């Protein structure tokens, strides 16, 4: 089972940009996520094809199950 924390940001050209974090610490603390997203925006270290990150839009944890099969 693989979990990913997806951080969603609005950009200066009205699009959505996403940053993903593998294996987030659980339970996810919403206040820490909001603060971290604000710090990412303030640091201005990420640029996307649709401009700079301007505001936090949302966050979610994605839980994915993978089953491998031997075909030999």
C-alpha atoms as a PDB file:
ATOM      1  CA  UNK A   1       0.000   0.000   0.000  1.00  0.00           C
ATOM      2  CA  UNK A   2       1.528   3.310  -1.084  1.00  0.00           C
ATOM      3  CA  UNK A   3       0.348   6.630   0.316  1.00  0.00           C
ATOM      4  CA  UNK A   4       1.046  10.052  -1.116  1.00  0.00           C
ATOM      5  CA  UNK A   5       0.230  13.522   0.216  1.00  0.00           C
ATOM      6  CA  UNK A   6      -0.800  15.753  -2.691  1.00  0.00           C
ATOM      7  CA  UNK A   7      -0.518  19.516  -2.148  1.00  0.00           C
ATOM      8  CA  UNK A   8      -2.574  21.596  -4.588  1.00  0.00           C
ATOM      9  CA  UNK A   9      -1.746  25.230  -5.334  1.00  0.00           C
ATOM     10  CA  UNK A  10      -3.314  27.957  -7.461  1.00  0.00           C
ATOM     11  CA  UNK A  11      -0.875  29.586  -9.891  1.00  0.00           C
ATOM     12  CA  UNK A  12      -0.606  33.134 -11.185  1.00  0.00           C
ATOM     13  CA  UNK A  13      -2.232  32.149 -14.504  1.00  0.00           C
ATOM     14  CA  UNK A  14      -5.278  30.515 -12.890  1.00  0.00           C
ATOM     15  CA  UNK A  15      -4.179  26.883 -13.160  1.00  0.00           C
ATOM     16  CA  UNK A  16      -3.604  24.244 -10.479  1.00  0.00           C
ATOM     17  CA  UNK A  17      -0.119  22.924  -9.676  1.00  0.00           C
ATOM     18  CA  UNK A  18       0.534  19.857  -7.527  1.00  0.00           C
ATOM     19  CA  UNK A  19       3.429  18.783  -5.342  1.00  0.00           C
ATOM     20  CA  UNK A  20       3.414  15.234  -3.990  1.00  0.00           C
ATOM     21  CA  UNK A  21       5.116  13.841  -0.914  1.00  0.00           C
ATOM     22  CA  UNK A  22       5.610  10.075  -0.661  1.00  0.00           C
ATOM     23  CA  UNK A  23       4.864   8.261   2.606  1.00  0.00           C
ATOM     24  CA  UNK A  24       3.543  11.207   4.636  1.00  0.00           C
ATOM     25  CA  UNK A  25       3.663  11.095   8.426  1.00  0.00           C
ATOM     26  CA  UNK A  26       0.266  10.024   9.753  1.00  0.00           C
ATOM     27  CA  UNK A  27      -2.050  11.207  11.002  1.00  0.00           C
ATOM     28  CA  UNK A  28      -1.713  14.244   8.745  1.00  0.00           C
ATOM     29  CA  UNK A  29      -1.931  17.455  10.787  1.00  0.00           C
ATOM     30  CA  UNK A  30      -3.986  19.982   8.797  1.00  0.00           C
ATOM     31  CA  UNK A  31      -2.454  22.973  10.587  1.00  0.00           C
ATOM     32  CA  UNK A  32       1.068  21.790   9.715  1.00  0.00           C
ATOM     33  CA  UNK A  33       0.058  21.214   6.085  1.00  0.00           C
ATOM     34  CA  UNK A  34      -1.424  24.742   5.827  1.00  0.00           C
ATOM     35  CA  UNK A  35       1.685  26.280   7.401  1.00  0.00           C
ATOM     36  CA  UNK A  36       3.998  24.251   5.158  1.00  0.00           C
ATOM     37  CA  UNK A  37       2.089  25.263   2.039  1.00  0.00           C
ATOM     38  CA  UNK A  38       2.270  28.931   3.073  1.00  0.00           C
ATOM     39  CA  UNK A  39       6.035  28.579   3.563  1.00  0.00           C
ATOM     40  CA  UNK A  40       6.432  26.952   0.129  1.00  0.00           C
ATOM     41  CA  UNK A  41       4.550  29.865  -1.466  1.00  0.00           C
ATOM     42  CA  UNK A  42       6.540  32.483   0.491  1.00  0.00           C
ATOM     43  CA  UNK A  43       9.889  30.875  -0.390  1.00  0.00           C
ATOM     44  CA  UNK A  44       9.001  31.169  -4.102  1.00  0.00           C
ATOM     45  CA  UNK A  45      11.298  28.265  -5.039  1.00  0.00           C
ATOM     46  CA  UNK A  46       8.914  26.475  -7.418  1.00  0.00           C
ATOM     47  CA  UNK A  47       7.946  27.776 -10.842  1.00  0.00           C
ATOM     48  CA  UNK A  48       5.519  25.945 -13.086  1.00  0.00           C
ATOM     49  CA  UNK A  49       4.524  26.236 -16.715  1.00  0.00           C
ATOM     50  CA  UNK A  50       1.538  28.250 -15.493  1.00  0.00           C
ATOM     51  CA  UNK A  51       3.521  30.658 -13.338  1.00  0.00           C
ATOM     52  CA  UNK A  52       4.373  31.043  -9.686  1.00  0.00           C
ATOM     53  CA  UNK A  53       2.426  29.422  -6.852  1.00  0.00           C
ATOM     54  CA  UNK A  54       0.031  32.024  -5.438  1.00  0.00           C
ATOM     55  CA  UNK A  55      -2.217  30.310  -2.882  1.00  0.00           C
ATOM     56  CA  UNK A  56      -2.996  26.989  -1.239  1.00  0.00           C
ATOM     57  CA  UNK A  57      -5.954  25.297  -2.915  1.00  0.00           C
ATOM     58  CA  UNK A  58      -6.168  21.962  -1.105  1.00  0.00           C
ATOM     59  CA  UNK A  59      -4.432  18.834   0.092  1.00  0.00           C
ATOM     60  CA  UNK A  60      -5.310  15.154   0.090  1.00  0.00           C
ATOM     61  CA  UNK A  61      -3.851  11.776   0.935  1.00  0.00           C
ATOM     62  CA  UNK A  62      -3.983   9.267  -1.891  1.00  0.00           C
ATOM     63  CA  UNK A  63      -3.889   5.604  -0.853  1.00  0.00           C
ATOM     64  CA  UNK A  64      -2.948   3.170  -3.608  1.00  0.00           C
ATOM     65  CA  UNK A  65      -2.857  -0.618  -3.543  1.00  0.00           C
ATOM     66  CA  UNK A  66      -0.639  -2.467  -6.005  1.00  0.00           C
ATOM     67  CA  UNK A  67      -0.770  -6.208  -6.595  1.00  0.00           C
ATOM     68  CA  UNK A  68       2.082  -7.811  -8.545  1.00  0.00           C
ATOM     69  CA  UNK A  69       1.615 -11.118 -10.362  1.00  0.00           C
ATOM     70  CA  UNK A  70       4.364 -13.554 -11.377  1.00  0.00           C
ATOM     71  CA  UNK A  71       3.867 -14.475 -15.027  1.00  0.00           C
ATOM     72  CA  UNK A  72       6.882 -16.751 -15.410  1.00  0.00           C
END
